Amino acid sequence: MLKVAVVGLGDISKIHIPAIQNSSKAELVAVCDINEELRNTVENVNFYTDLDEMLNKEELDCVHICLPHYVHYSATKAVVEKGVNVFLEKPLARSAEEGMFVVELAEQHPDVKICVSLQNRLNETFIKLKEIVDSGELGQVTGIKGLVTWFRPKSYYDVKPWRGKMKLAGGGVMINQSIHTLDLMQLIGGEIETIRGSIDQLLDYGYEVEDTAVANIKFKNGATGLFFATTTYATNSSVEFQVILEKGKLTIKDSVLSVTDSEGVKRRLIEDSKLPGSKFYYGASHDTLINQFYNAIINNTEDYIHVQDAQKSMEMISAIRRSSEVKIPIKMEVYK
């Protein structure tokens, strides 16, 4: 039984903690948050307000980092240097540059595992979509579309002002709400040749981060990608992900994967498991990835999402931001 702790008791910890408690492979023994008022929010575990103190006092196998973006790297470094495995909530860091620090940290500590929570890779619909693409039965990929149309009120930023500051959050809709979609696009499309992007603030909230982003992506295999993400819509609509192939198309919408053949006949293939309640659009694959990572720790395997994998979407965000500034396509470097 793995001894597990969580640092950061904000919104996303409410997804992690039940997953840990429901796992047959782990026991939640400690939580940590600087807010003393949260002391009694998780029962029957030790509570700390200092990460170093928790690491010194507890015998831990894994720490879930559910902190604001600006402490992802420093917290990961503190845990890894204690020889403890890390399950890191996305994003990897605030920027591609800072992401490389995490990559280097992982390379310096090869005996410690760091898994990044890009859990949508494990959605049932995406697994099936990738299986069909990889089989070649519908031919080569020619186009990939990723659409995220959500809503965040001004109060979302007001209650946690770090979310609206570039120095602390590293961005808005790209790094916070749609990084999963960028990750899936590069998984299907492969290496990227260029990205031409544009970002903007369509809502007058007075914060620094973007609420809308669009990009045209040219993949090295000749496929074209269209990425669009916004938090200015009326509601949190289902993410749409579509792959155009030579002999048909695959579409994930409303958490359902469908295939349309070359004759225009559409068939429903599989539906994702969903979280109950208002956060259904998160998907339900946190549990799957967390338990996959626990298996990797127990059996000492490499079957999890490594920091090198997560760095790819960080590079895409950086390229979109740079392209928006200079108004030209950005040539992508070869991923490490």
C-alpha atoms as a PDB file:
ATOM      1  CA  MET A   1       0.000   0.000   0.000  1.00  0.00           C
ATOM      2  CA  LEU A   2       1.534   3.283  -1.124  1.00  0.00           C
ATOM      3  CA  LYS A   3       1.692   6.144   1.384  1.00  0.00           C
ATOM      4  CA  VAL A   4       0.366   9.209  -0.437  1.00  0.00           C
ATOM      5  CA  ALA A   5       0.038  12.919   0.384  1.00  0.00           C
ATOM      6  CA  VAL A   6      -1.562  15.899  -1.336  1.00  0.00           C
ATOM      7  CA  VAL A   7      -0.133  19.425  -1.296  1.00  0.00           C
ATOM      8  CA  GLY A   8      -2.640  22.122  -2.217  1.00  0.00           C
ATOM      9  CA  LEU A   9      -6.290  21.838  -1.182  1.00  0.00           C
ATOM     10  CA  GLY A  10      -7.808  23.985  -3.917  1.00  0.00           C
ATOM     11  CA  ASP A  11     -10.439  23.048  -6.498  1.00  0.00           C
ATOM     12  CA  ILE A  12      -8.518  20.305  -8.307  1.00  0.00           C
ATOM     13  CA  SER A  13      -7.663  18.489  -5.059  1.00  0.00           C
ATOM     14  CA  LYS A  14     -11.349  17.590  -4.878  1.00  0.00           C
ATOM     15  CA  ILE A  15     -10.743  15.372  -7.909  1.00  0.00           C
ATOM     16  CA  HIS A  16      -7.471  13.893  -6.641  1.00  0.00           C
ATOM     17  CA  ILE A  17      -8.419  13.123  -3.050  1.00  0.00           C
ATOM     18  CA  PRO A  18     -11.446  10.881  -3.800  1.00  0.00           C
ATOM     19  CA  ALA A  19      -9.370   9.067  -6.438  1.00  0.00           C
ATOM     20  CA  ILE A  20      -6.672   8.356  -3.844  1.00  0.00           C
ATOM     21  CA  GLN A  21      -9.203   7.320  -1.210  1.00  0.00           C
ATOM     22  CA  ASN A  22     -10.948   4.983  -3.659  1.00  0.00           C
ATOM     23  CA  SER A  23      -7.726   3.340  -4.824  1.00  0.00           C
ATOM     24  CA  SER A  24      -6.867  -0.123  -3.523  1.00  0.00           C
ATOM     25  CA  LYS A  25      -3.194   0.668  -4.075  1.00  0.00           C
ATOM     26  CA  ALA A  26      -2.771   3.737  -1.877  1.00  0.00           C
ATOM     27  CA  GLU A  27      -3.525   5.297   1.475  1.00  0.00           C
ATOM     28  CA  LEU A  28      -3.881   9.056   1.935  1.00  0.00           C
ATOM     29  CA  VAL A  29      -1.811   9.819   5.030  1.00  0.00           C
ATOM     30  CA  ALA A  30      -1.214  13.576   4.859  1.00  0.00           C
ATOM     31  CA  VAL A  31      -2.322  16.825   3.251  1.00  0.00           C
ATOM     32  CA  CYS A  32      -0.648  20.216   3.129  1.00  0.00           C
ATOM     33  CA  ASP A  33      -1.930  23.742   2.544  1.00  0.00           C
ATOM     34  CA  ILE A  34      -0.822  27.158   3.774  1.00  0.00           C
ATOM     35  CA  ASN A  35      -4.424  27.937   4.755  1.00  0.00           C
ATOM     36  CA  GLU A  36      -4.820  26.791   8.361  1.00  0.00           C
ATOM     37  CA  GLU A  37      -8.616  27.045   7.997  1.00  0.00           C
ATOM     38  CA  LEU A  38      -8.535  23.937   5.781  1.00  0.00           C
ATOM     39  CA  ARG A  39      -7.152  21.783   8.592  1.00  0.00           C
ATOM     40  CA  ASN A  40     -10.315  19.738   9.095  1.00  0.00           C
ATOM     41  CA  THR A  41     -11.474  19.455   5.490  1.00  0.00           C
ATOM     42  CA  VAL A  42      -9.924  15.986   5.054  1.00  0.00           C
ATOM     43  CA  GLU A  43     -10.581  13.558   7.887  1.00  0.00           C
ATOM     44  CA  ASN A  44      -8.192  11.026   9.405  1.00  0.00           C
ATOM     45  CA  VAL A  45      -5.006  12.399   7.849  1.00  0.00           C
ATOM     46  CA  ASN A  46      -2.154  14.523   9.146  1.00  0.00           C
ATOM     47  CA  PHE A  47      -2.378  18.202   8.200  1.00  0.00           C
ATOM     48  CA  TYR A  48       0.612  20.444   7.497  1.00  0.00           C
ATOM     49  CA  THR A  49       1.048  24.058   6.462  1.00  0.00           C
ATOM     50  CA  ASP A  50       4.656  23.553   5.314  1.00  0.00           C
ATOM     51  CA  LEU A  51       5.697  21.159   2.547  1.00  0.00           C
ATOM     52  CA  ASP A  52       9.229  20.643   3.865  1.00  0.00           C
ATOM     53  CA  GLU A  53       7.897  19.759   7.298  1.00  0.00           C
ATOM     54  CA  MET A  54       5.543  17.181   5.764  1.00  0.00           C
ATOM     55  CA  LEU A  55       8.351  15.657   3.714  1.00  0.00           C
ATOM     56  CA  ASN A  56      10.589  15.436   6.776  1.00  0.00           C
ATOM     57  CA  LYS A  57       7.988  13.901   9.078  1.00  0.00           C
ATOM     58  CA  GLU A  58       6.123  11.528   6.766  1.00  0.00           C
ATOM     59  CA  GLU A  59       7.359   8.359   5.060  1.00  0.00           C
ATOM     60  CA  LEU A  60       5.852   8.922   1.629  1.00  0.00           C
ATOM     61  CA  ASP A  61       5.811   7.059  -1.677  1.00  0.00           C
ATOM     62  CA  CYS A  62       4.020   9.730  -3.718  1.00  0.00           C
ATOM     63  CA  VAL A  63       2.939  13.356  -3.404  1.00  0.00           C
ATOM     64  CA  HIS A  64       0.148  14.832  -5.517  1.00  0.00           C
ATOM     65  CA  ILE A  65       0.939  18.463  -6.335  1.00  0.00           C
ATOM     66  CA  CYS A  66      -2.298  20.441  -6.712  1.00  0.00           C
ATOM     67  CA  LEU A  67      -0.826  23.910  -6.289  1.00  0.00           C
ATOM     68  CA  PRO A  68      -0.998  27.137  -8.313  1.00  0.00           C
ATOM     69  CA  HIS A  69       1.174  27.096 -11.429  1.00  0.00           C
ATOM     70  CA  TYR A  70       3.893  29.342 -10.018  1.00  0.00           C
ATOM     71  CA  VAL A  71       4.933  26.767  -7.420  1.00  0.00           C
ATOM     72  CA  HIS A  72       4.716  23.643  -9.589  1.00  0.00           C
ATOM     73  CA  TYR A  73       8.448  23.580 -10.268  1.00  0.00           C
ATOM     74  CA  SER A  74       9.654  24.491  -6.772  1.00  0.00           C
ATOM     75  CA  ALA A  75       7.292  22.015  -5.099  1.00  0.00           C
ATOM     76  CA  THR A  76       8.189  19.246  -7.560  1.00  0.00           C
ATOM     77  CA  LYS A  77      11.888  19.920  -6.946  1.00  0.00           C
ATOM     78  CA  ALA A  78      11.441  19.741  -3.161  1.00  0.00           C
ATOM     79  CA  VAL A  79       9.590  16.415  -3.363  1.00  0.00           C
ATOM     80  CA  VAL A  80      11.852  14.795  -5.958  1.00  0.00           C
ATOM     81  CA  GLU A  81      14.992  15.756  -4.053  1.00  0.00           C
ATOM     82  CA  LYS A  82      13.566  13.838  -1.084  1.00  0.00           C
ATOM     83  CA  GLY A  83      13.355  10.762  -3.320  1.00  0.00           C
ATOM     84  CA  VAL A  84       9.552  10.800  -3.399  1.00  0.00           C
ATOM     85  CA  ASN A  85       7.515  10.227  -6.572  1.00  0.00           C
ATOM     86  CA  VAL A  86       5.313  13.050  -7.862  1.00  0.00           C
ATOM     87  CA  PHE A  87       1.882  13.149  -9.465  1.00  0.00           C
ATOM     88  CA  LEU A  88       1.837  16.680 -10.869  1.00  0.00           C
ATOM     89  CA  GLU A  89      -1.398  18.379 -11.838  1.00  0.00           C
ATOM     90  CA  LYS A  90      -1.127  20.181 -15.173  1.00  0.00           C
ATOM     91  CA  PRO A  91       0.464  22.346 -16.398  1.00  0.00           C
ATOM     92  CA  LEU A  92       4.049  21.133 -16.191  1.00  0.00           C
ATOM     93  CA  ALA A  93       5.166  24.694 -15.368  1.00  0.00           C
ATOM     94  CA  ARG A  94       4.390  28.314 -16.218  1.00  0.00           C
ATOM     95  CA  SER A  95       6.299  28.318 -19.495  1.00  0.00           C
ATOM     96  CA  ALA A  96       8.254  26.118 -21.874  1.00  0.00           C
ATOM     97  CA  GLU A  97      11.453  27.554 -20.407  1.00  0.00           C
ATOM     98  CA  GLU A  98      10.456  26.609 -16.865  1.00  0.00           C
ATOM     99  CA  GLY A  99       9.183  23.284 -18.164  1.00  0.00           C
ATOM    100  CA  MET A 100      12.727  22.451 -19.253  1.00  0.00           C
ATOM    101  CA  PHE A 101      13.820  22.856 -15.626  1.00  0.00           C
ATOM    102  CA  VAL A 102      11.377  20.085 -14.698  1.00  0.00           C
ATOM    103  CA  VAL A 103      12.654  17.946 -17.584  1.00  0.00           C
ATOM    104  CA  GLU A 104      16.225  18.434 -16.356  1.00  0.00           C
ATOM    105  CA  LEU A 105      15.135  17.648 -12.788  1.00  0.00           C
ATOM    106  CA  ALA A 106      13.647  14.358 -13.968  1.00  0.00           C
ATOM    107  CA  GLU A 107      16.825  13.514 -15.868  1.00  0.00           C
ATOM    108  CA  GLN A 108      18.924  14.238 -12.769  1.00  0.00           C
ATOM    109  CA  HIS A 109      16.771  11.900 -10.644  1.00  0.00           C
ATOM    110  CA  PRO A 110      16.085   8.867 -12.853  1.00  0.00           C
ATOM    111  CA  ASP A 111      15.013   6.740  -9.876  1.00  0.00           C
ATOM    112  CA  VAL A 112      12.147   9.087  -9.032  1.00  0.00           C
ATOM    113  CA  LYS A 113       9.009   9.107 -11.165  1.00  0.00           C
ATOM    114  CA  ILE A 114       7.124  12.284 -12.119  1.00  0.00           C
ATOM    115  CA  CYS A 115       3.740  11.833 -13.790  1.00  0.00           C
ATOM    116  CA  VAL A 116       1.971  14.864 -15.287  1.00  0.00           C
ATOM    117  CA  SER A 117      -1.813  14.872 -15.219  1.00  0.00           C
ATOM    118  CA  LEU A 118      -2.707  15.013 -18.900  1.00  0.00           C
ATOM    119  CA  GLN A 119      -5.377  12.442 -18.178  1.00  0.00           C
ATOM    120  CA  ASN A 120      -7.503  13.055 -21.270  1.00  0.00           C
ATOM    121  CA  ARG A 121      -5.070  10.776 -23.102  1.00  0.00           C
ATOM    122  CA  LEU A 122      -6.837   7.977 -21.221  1.00  0.00           C
ATOM    123  CA  ASN A 123     -10.414   8.917 -22.106  1.00  0.00           C
ATOM    124  CA  GLU A 124     -12.120   5.942 -23.723  1.00  0.00           C
ATOM    125  CA  THR A 125     -12.991   7.972 -26.805  1.00  0.00           C
ATOM    126  CA  PHE A 126      -9.435   9.154 -27.382  1.00  0.00           C
ATOM    127  CA  ILE A 127      -7.918   5.702 -26.833  1.00  0.00           C
ATOM    128  CA  LYS A 128     -10.282   4.290 -29.481  1.00  0.00           C
ATOM    129  CA  LEU A 129      -9.669   7.223 -31.846  1.00  0.00           C
ATOM    130  CA  LYS A 130      -5.899   6.789 -31.629  1.00  0.00           C
ATOM    131  CA  GLU A 131      -6.234   3.031 -32.119  1.00  0.00           C
ATOM    132  CA  ILE A 132      -8.144   3.603 -35.380  1.00  0.00           C
ATOM    133  CA  VAL A 133      -5.699   6.278 -36.575  1.00  0.00           C
ATOM    134  CA  ASP A 134      -2.696   4.065 -35.793  1.00  0.00           C
ATOM    135  CA  SER A 135      -4.250   1.082 -37.577  1.00  0.00           C
ATOM    136  CA  GLY A 136      -4.206   2.958 -40.897  1.00  0.00           C
ATOM    137  CA  GLU A 137      -7.617   1.584 -41.861  1.00  0.00           C
ATOM    138  CA  LEU A 138      -8.861   5.090 -42.733  1.00  0.00           C
ATOM    139  CA  GLY A 139      -5.610   6.205 -44.346  1.00  0.00           C
ATOM    140  CA  GLN A 140      -3.322   9.045 -43.386  1.00  0.00           C
ATOM    141  CA  VAL A 141      -4.280  12.002 -41.183  1.00  0.00           C
ATOM    142  CA  THR A 142      -4.882  15.165 -43.200  1.00  0.00           C
ATOM    143  CA  GLY A 143      -6.510  17.442 -40.614  1.00  0.00           C
ATOM    144  CA  ILE A 144      -6.968  17.811 -36.848  1.00  0.00           C
ATOM    145  CA  LYS A 145      -9.410  20.166 -35.131  1.00  0.00           C
ATOM    146  CA  GLY A 146      -9.520  20.979 -31.420  1.00  0.00           C
ATOM    147  CA  LEU A 147     -12.243  23.291 -30.061  1.00  0.00           C
ATOM    148  CA  VAL A 148     -12.703  24.350 -26.436  1.00  0.00           C
ATOM    149  CA  THR A 149     -15.549  26.780 -25.782  1.00  0.00           C
ATOM    150  CA  TRP A 150     -15.974  27.321 -22.064  1.00  0.00           C
ATOM    151  CA  PHE A 151     -16.917  30.148 -19.727  1.00  0.00           C
ATOM    152  CA  ARG A 152     -15.114  31.684 -16.770  1.00  0.00           C
ATOM    153  CA  PRO A 153     -16.736  34.629 -14.945  1.00  0.00           C
ATOM    154  CA  LYS A 154     -14.689  37.525 -13.610  1.00  0.00           C
ATOM    155  CA  SER A 155     -15.165  36.067 -10.128  1.00  0.00           C
ATOM    156  CA  TYR A 156     -13.056  33.046 -11.199  1.00  0.00           C
ATOM    157  CA  TYR A 157     -10.069  35.400 -11.308  1.00  0.00           C
ATOM    158  CA  ASP A 158     -11.162  37.709  -8.490  1.00  0.00           C
ATOM    159  CA  VAL A 159     -11.311  34.890  -5.947  1.00  0.00           C
ATOM    160  CA  LYS A 160      -7.813  33.682  -6.917  1.00  0.00           C
ATOM    161  CA  PRO A 161      -6.028  36.661  -8.480  1.00  0.00           C
ATOM    162  CA  TRP A 162      -2.920  34.621  -9.379  1.00  0.00           C
ATOM    163  CA  ARG A 163      -4.944  33.089 -12.210  1.00  0.00           C
ATOM    164  CA  GLY A 164      -5.024  36.436 -14.009  1.00  0.00           C
ATOM    165  CA  LYS A 165      -1.323  37.298 -13.696  1.00  0.00           C
ATOM    166  CA  MET A 166       1.158  36.148 -16.342  1.00  0.00           C
ATOM    167  CA  LYS A 167       4.026  35.932 -13.847  1.00  0.00           C
ATOM    168  CA  LEU A 168       2.060  33.566 -11.636  1.00  0.00           C
ATOM    169  CA  ALA A 169      -0.199  31.610 -14.012  1.00  0.00           C
ATOM    170  CA  GLY A 170       1.873  31.626 -17.199  1.00  0.00           C
ATOM    171  CA  GLY A 171      -1.235  32.325 -19.272  1.00  0.00           C
ATOM    172  CA  GLY A 172      -4.971  31.895 -19.401  1.00  0.00           C
ATOM    173  CA  VAL A 173      -7.147  29.706 -21.587  1.00  0.00           C
ATOM    174  CA  MET A 174      -4.228  27.925 -23.275  1.00  0.00           C
ATOM    175  CA  ILE A 175      -2.333  26.788 -20.188  1.00  0.00           C
ATOM    176  CA  ASN A 176      -5.316  26.411 -17.884  1.00  0.00           C
ATOM    177  CA  GLN A 177      -8.350  25.159 -19.817  1.00  0.00           C
ATOM    178  CA  SER A 178      -7.172  23.846 -23.195  1.00  0.00           C
ATOM    179  CA  ILE A 179      -3.693  22.411 -22.666  1.00  0.00           C
ATOM    180  CA  HIS A 180      -5.259  18.933 -22.811  1.00  0.00           C
ATOM    181  CA  THR A 181      -6.551  19.611 -26.326  1.00  0.00           C
ATOM    182  CA  LEU A 182      -3.149  20.823 -27.522  1.00  0.00           C
ATOM    183  CA  ASP A 183      -1.606  17.689 -26.029  1.00  0.00           C
ATOM    184  CA  LEU A 184      -4.009  15.408 -27.897  1.00  0.00           C
ATOM    185  CA  MET A 185      -3.479  17.288 -31.157  1.00  0.00           C
ATOM    186  CA  GLN A 186       0.270  16.712 -31.094  1.00  0.00           C
ATOM    187  CA  LEU A 187      -0.202  13.075 -30.078  1.00  0.00           C
ATOM    188  CA  ILE A 188      -2.210  12.478 -33.257  1.00  0.00           C
ATOM    189  CA  GLY A 189      -0.375  14.855 -35.572  1.00  0.00           C
ATOM    190  CA  GLY A 190       3.189  14.094 -34.513  1.00  0.00           C
ATOM    191  CA  GLU A 191       6.041  16.534 -34.955  1.00  0.00           C
ATOM    192  CA  ILE A 192       5.070  20.115 -35.770  1.00  0.00           C
ATOM    193  CA  GLU A 193       6.631  22.185 -38.535  1.00  0.00           C
ATOM    194  CA  THR A 194       5.120  25.620 -37.789  1.00  0.00           C
ATOM    195  CA  ILE A 195       2.427  27.298 -35.710  1.00  0.00           C
ATOM    196  CA  ARG A 196       0.723  30.576 -36.592  1.00  0.00           C
ATOM    197  CA  GLY A 197      -1.314  31.764 -33.650  1.00  0.00           C
ATOM    198  CA  SER A 198      -3.209  34.693 -32.213  1.00  0.00           C
ATOM    199  CA  ILE A 199      -4.343  35.381 -28.658  1.00  0.00           C
ATOM    200  CA  ASP A 200      -6.603  38.070 -27.225  1.00  0.00           C
ATOM    201  CA  GLN A 201      -8.715  39.222 -24.304  1.00  0.00           C
ATOM    202  CA  LEU A 202     -12.306  39.464 -25.464  1.00  0.00           C
ATOM    203  CA  LEU A 203     -13.785  40.077 -22.010  1.00  0.00           C
ATOM    204  CA  ASP A 204     -13.029  43.261 -20.117  1.00  0.00           C
ATOM    205  CA  TYR A 205     -11.873  41.640 -16.877  1.00  0.00           C
ATOM    206  CA  GLY A 206      -8.728  43.724 -16.467  1.00  0.00           C
ATOM    207  CA  TYR A 207      -6.398  40.737 -16.059  1.00  0.00           C
ATOM    208  CA  GLU A 208      -3.202  39.981 -17.994  1.00  0.00           C
ATOM    209  CA  VAL A 209      -3.877  36.497 -19.323  1.00  0.00           C
ATOM    210  CA  GLU A 210      -5.578  35.605 -22.592  1.00  0.00           C
ATOM    211  CA  ASP A 211      -9.161  34.365 -22.658  1.00  0.00           C
ATOM    212  CA  THR A 212      -9.144  33.389 -26.358  1.00  0.00           C
ATOM    213  CA  ALA A 213      -6.593  31.711 -28.610  1.00  0.00           C
ATOM    214  CA  VAL A 214      -6.581  30.412 -32.176  1.00  0.00           C
ATOM    215  CA  ALA A 215      -3.829  28.673 -34.108  1.00  0.00           C
ATOM    216  CA  ASN A 216      -3.097  27.124 -37.488  1.00  0.00           C
ATOM    217  CA  ILE A 217      -0.713  24.196 -37.059  1.00  0.00           C
ATOM    218  CA  LYS A 218       1.339  22.629 -39.836  1.00  0.00           C
ATOM    219  CA  PHE A 219       2.517  19.137 -39.010  1.00  0.00           C
ATOM    220  CA  LYS A 220       5.616  17.632 -40.593  1.00  0.00           C
ATOM    221  CA  ASN A 221       3.530  14.824 -42.113  1.00  0.00           C
ATOM    222  CA  GLY A 222       1.546  17.396 -44.118  1.00  0.00           C
ATOM    223  CA  ALA A 223      -1.550  17.496 -41.908  1.00  0.00           C
ATOM    224  CA  THR A 224      -3.151  20.813 -40.935  1.00  0.00           C
ATOM    225  CA  GLY A 225      -4.389  21.566 -37.442  1.00  0.00           C
ATOM    226  CA  LEU A 226      -6.940  24.121 -36.267  1.00  0.00           C
ATOM    227  CA  PHE A 227      -6.968  24.986 -32.565  1.00  0.00           C
ATOM    228  CA  PHE A 228      -9.515  27.334 -31.006  1.00  0.00           C
ATOM    229  CA  ALA A 229     -10.091  27.920 -27.313  1.00  0.00           C
ATOM    230  CA  THR A 230     -12.027  30.510 -25.368  1.00  0.00           C
ATOM    231  CA  THR A 231     -13.501  31.090 -21.932  1.00  0.00           C
ATOM    232  CA  THR A 232     -15.931  33.716 -23.265  1.00  0.00           C
ATOM    233  CA  TYR A 233     -18.787  31.391 -24.241  1.00  0.00           C
ATOM    234  CA  ALA A 234     -22.139  31.235 -22.428  1.00  0.00           C
ATOM    235  CA  THR A 235     -21.380  27.902 -20.746  1.00  0.00           C
ATOM    236  CA  ASN A 236     -18.848  25.069 -20.494  1.00  0.00           C
ATOM    237  CA  SER A 237     -19.609  23.302 -23.745  1.00  0.00           C
ATOM    238  CA  SER A 238     -18.193  19.878 -24.541  1.00  0.00           C
ATOM    239  CA  VAL A 239     -14.741  19.873 -26.099  1.00  0.00           C
ATOM    240  CA  GLU A 240     -14.765  18.912 -29.788  1.00  0.00           C
ATOM    241  CA  PHE A 241     -11.872  16.950 -31.259  1.00  0.00           C
ATOM    242  CA  GLN A 242     -11.884  15.842 -34.886  1.00  0.00           C
ATOM    243  CA  VAL A 243      -9.429  13.980 -37.096  1.00  0.00           C
ATOM    244  CA  ILE A 244      -9.834  14.027 -40.878  1.00  0.00           C
ATOM    245  CA  LEU A 245      -8.331  11.044 -42.689  1.00  0.00           C
ATOM    246  CA  GLU A 246      -8.112  10.012 -46.329  1.00  0.00           C
ATOM    247  CA  LYS A 247     -11.046   7.596 -46.018  1.00  0.00           C
ATOM    248  CA  GLY A 248     -13.236   9.187 -43.379  1.00  0.00           C
ATOM    249  CA  LYS A 249     -13.281  11.253 -40.221  1.00  0.00           C
ATOM    250  CA  LEU A 250     -13.346  10.638 -36.487  1.00  0.00           C
ATOM    251  CA  THR A 251     -15.139  13.084 -34.193  1.00  0.00           C
ATOM    252  CA  ILE A 252     -15.300  13.322 -30.413  1.00  0.00           C
ATOM    253  CA  LYS A 253     -18.167  15.572 -29.344  1.00  0.00           C
ATOM    254  CA  ASP A 254     -20.347  15.497 -26.241  1.00  0.00           C
ATOM    255  CA  SER A 255     -17.911  12.827 -24.974  1.00  0.00           C
ATOM    256  CA  VAL A 256     -18.937  10.444 -27.770  1.00  0.00           C
ATOM    257  CA  LEU A 257     -16.649   9.160 -30.537  1.00  0.00           C
ATOM    258  CA  SER A 258     -18.231   8.720 -33.940  1.00  0.00           C
ATOM    259  CA  VAL A 259     -16.778   7.677 -37.287  1.00  0.00           C
ATOM    260  CA  THR A 260     -17.983   8.942 -40.654  1.00  0.00           C
ATOM    261  CA  ASP A 261     -16.936   6.877 -43.660  1.00  0.00           C
ATOM    262  CA  SER A 262     -16.129   8.058 -47.177  1.00  0.00           C
ATOM    263  CA  GLU A 263     -19.816   7.655 -48.129  1.00  0.00           C
ATOM    264  CA  GLY A 264     -20.892  10.042 -45.374  1.00  0.00           C
ATOM    265  CA  VAL A 265     -22.366   7.320 -43.147  1.00  0.00           C
ATOM    266  CA  LYS A 266     -21.876   8.168 -39.459  1.00  0.00           C
ATOM    267  CA  ARG A 267     -21.620   5.564 -36.683  1.00  0.00           C
ATOM    268  CA  ARG A 268     -21.371   6.010 -32.936  1.00  0.00           C
ATOM    269  CA  LEU A 269     -18.451   4.009 -31.482  1.00  0.00           C
ATOM    270  CA  ILE A 270     -17.928   4.689 -27.764  1.00  0.00           C
ATOM    271  CA  GLU A 271     -18.746   7.168 -24.986  1.00  0.00           C
ATOM    272  CA  ASP A 272     -16.517   8.436 -22.193  1.00  0.00           C
ATOM    273  CA  SER A 273     -17.187   7.827 -18.555  1.00  0.00           C
ATOM    274  CA  LYS A 274     -18.241  11.091 -16.915  1.00  0.00           C
ATOM    275  CA  LEU A 275     -17.845  12.721 -13.552  1.00  0.00           C
ATOM    276  CA  PRO A 276     -21.092  13.421 -11.727  1.00  0.00           C
ATOM    277  CA  GLY A 277     -22.169  17.024 -11.203  1.00  0.00           C
ATOM    278  CA  SER A 278     -21.204  20.327 -12.756  1.00  0.00           C
ATOM    279  CA  LYS A 279     -17.575  19.383 -13.503  1.00  0.00           C
ATOM    280  CA  PHE A 280     -18.573  16.663 -15.985  1.00  0.00           C
ATOM    281  CA  TYR A 281     -16.554  18.352 -18.733  1.00  0.00           C
ATOM    282  CA  TYR A 282     -13.326  17.484 -16.884  1.00  0.00           C
ATOM    283  CA  GLY A 283     -13.784  13.855 -17.890  1.00  0.00           C
ATOM    284  CA  ALA A 284     -13.291  10.932 -15.519  1.00  0.00           C
ATOM    285  CA  SER A 285      -9.788   9.793 -16.392  1.00  0.00           C
ATOM    286  CA  HIS A 286      -7.964  11.241 -13.390  1.00  0.00           C
ATOM    287  CA  ASP A 287      -8.747   8.000 -11.533  1.00  0.00           C
ATOM    288  CA  THR A 288      -7.399   5.910 -14.409  1.00  0.00           C
ATOM    289  CA  LEU A 289      -4.128   7.828 -14.689  1.00  0.00           C
ATOM    290  CA  ILE A 290      -3.586   7.971 -10.928  1.00  0.00           C
ATOM    291  CA  ASN A 291      -3.954   4.208 -10.610  1.00  0.00           C
ATOM    292  CA  GLN A 292      -1.777   3.667 -13.693  1.00  0.00           C
ATOM    293  CA  PHE A 293       0.922   5.739 -12.001  1.00  0.00           C
ATOM    294  CA  TYR A 294       0.566   3.828  -8.747  1.00  0.00           C
ATOM    295  CA  ASN A 295       1.065   0.601 -10.708  1.00  0.00           C
ATOM    296  CA  ALA A 296       4.192   2.101 -12.283  1.00  0.00           C
ATOM    297  CA  ILE A 297       5.568   2.923  -8.836  1.00  0.00           C
ATOM    298  CA  ILE A 298       4.744  -0.500  -7.404  1.00  0.00           C
ATOM    299  CA  ASN A 299       6.056  -2.457 -10.396  1.00  0.00           C
ATOM    300  CA  ASN A 300       8.822   0.011 -11.337  1.00  0.00           C
ATOM    301  CA  THR A 301       7.608   0.505 -14.917  1.00  0.00           C
ATOM    302  CA  GLU A 302       7.627   3.532 -17.217  1.00  0.00           C
ATOM    303  CA  ASP A 303       3.902   3.351 -18.039  1.00  0.00           C
ATOM    304  CA  TYR A 304       2.818   6.894 -17.184  1.00  0.00           C
ATOM    305  CA  ILE A 305       2.921  10.417 -18.672  1.00  0.00           C
ATOM    306  CA  HIS A 306       6.481  11.669 -18.339  1.00  0.00           C
ATOM    307  CA  VAL A 307       7.559  15.299 -18.059  1.00  0.00           C
ATOM    308  CA  GLN A 308       9.190  15.064 -21.501  1.00  0.00           C
ATOM    309  CA  ASP A 309       5.732  14.233 -22.913  1.00  0.00           C
ATOM    310  CA  ALA A 310       4.116  17.169 -21.112  1.00  0.00           C
ATOM    311  CA  GLN A 311       6.773  19.588 -22.348  1.00  0.00           C
ATOM    312  CA  LYS A 312       5.445  19.272 -25.901  1.00  0.00           C
ATOM    313  CA  SER A 313       2.202  21.146 -25.205  1.00  0.00           C
ATOM    314  CA  MET A 314       4.182  23.758 -23.275  1.00  0.00           C
ATOM    315  CA  GLU A 315       6.247  24.362 -26.422  1.00  0.00           C
ATOM    316  CA  MET A 316       3.054  24.714 -28.461  1.00  0.00           C
ATOM    317  CA  ILE A 317       1.699  27.352 -26.078  1.00  0.00           C
ATOM    318  CA  SER A 318       4.992  29.227 -26.257  1.00  0.00           C
ATOM    319  CA  ALA A 319       4.920  29.161 -30.059  1.00  0.00           C
ATOM    320  CA  ILE A 320       1.319  30.427 -30.223  1.00  0.00           C
ATOM    321  CA  ARG A 321       2.158  33.264 -27.845  1.00  0.00           C
ATOM    322  CA  ARG A 322       5.308  34.237 -29.773  1.00  0.00           C
ATOM    323  CA  SER A 323       3.472  34.050 -33.089  1.00  0.00           C
ATOM    324  CA  SER A 324       0.743  36.321 -31.798  1.00  0.00           C
ATOM    325  CA  GLU A 325       3.371  38.881 -30.850  1.00  0.00           C
ATOM    326  CA  VAL A 326       5.355  38.856 -34.113  1.00  0.00           C
ATOM    327  CA  LYS A 327       2.449  38.052 -36.481  1.00  0.00           C
ATOM    328  CA  ILE A 328       4.307  35.312 -38.374  1.00  0.00           C
ATOM    329  CA  PRO A 329       4.457  31.495 -38.177  1.00  0.00           C
ATOM    330  CA  ILE A 330       6.867  30.092 -35.596  1.00  0.00           C
ATOM    331  CA  LYS A 331       9.026  27.170 -36.605  1.00  0.00           C
ATOM    332  CA  MET A 332       8.975  24.493 -33.937  1.00  0.00           C
ATOM    333  CA  GLU A 333      12.179  22.974 -32.639  1.00  0.00           C
ATOM    334  CA  VAL A 334      12.517  19.214 -32.539  1.00  0.00           C
ATOM    335  CA  TYR A 335      11.134  17.968 -29.244  1.00  0.00           C
ATOM    336  CA  LYS A 336      13.572  16.376 -26.807  1.00  0.00           C
END
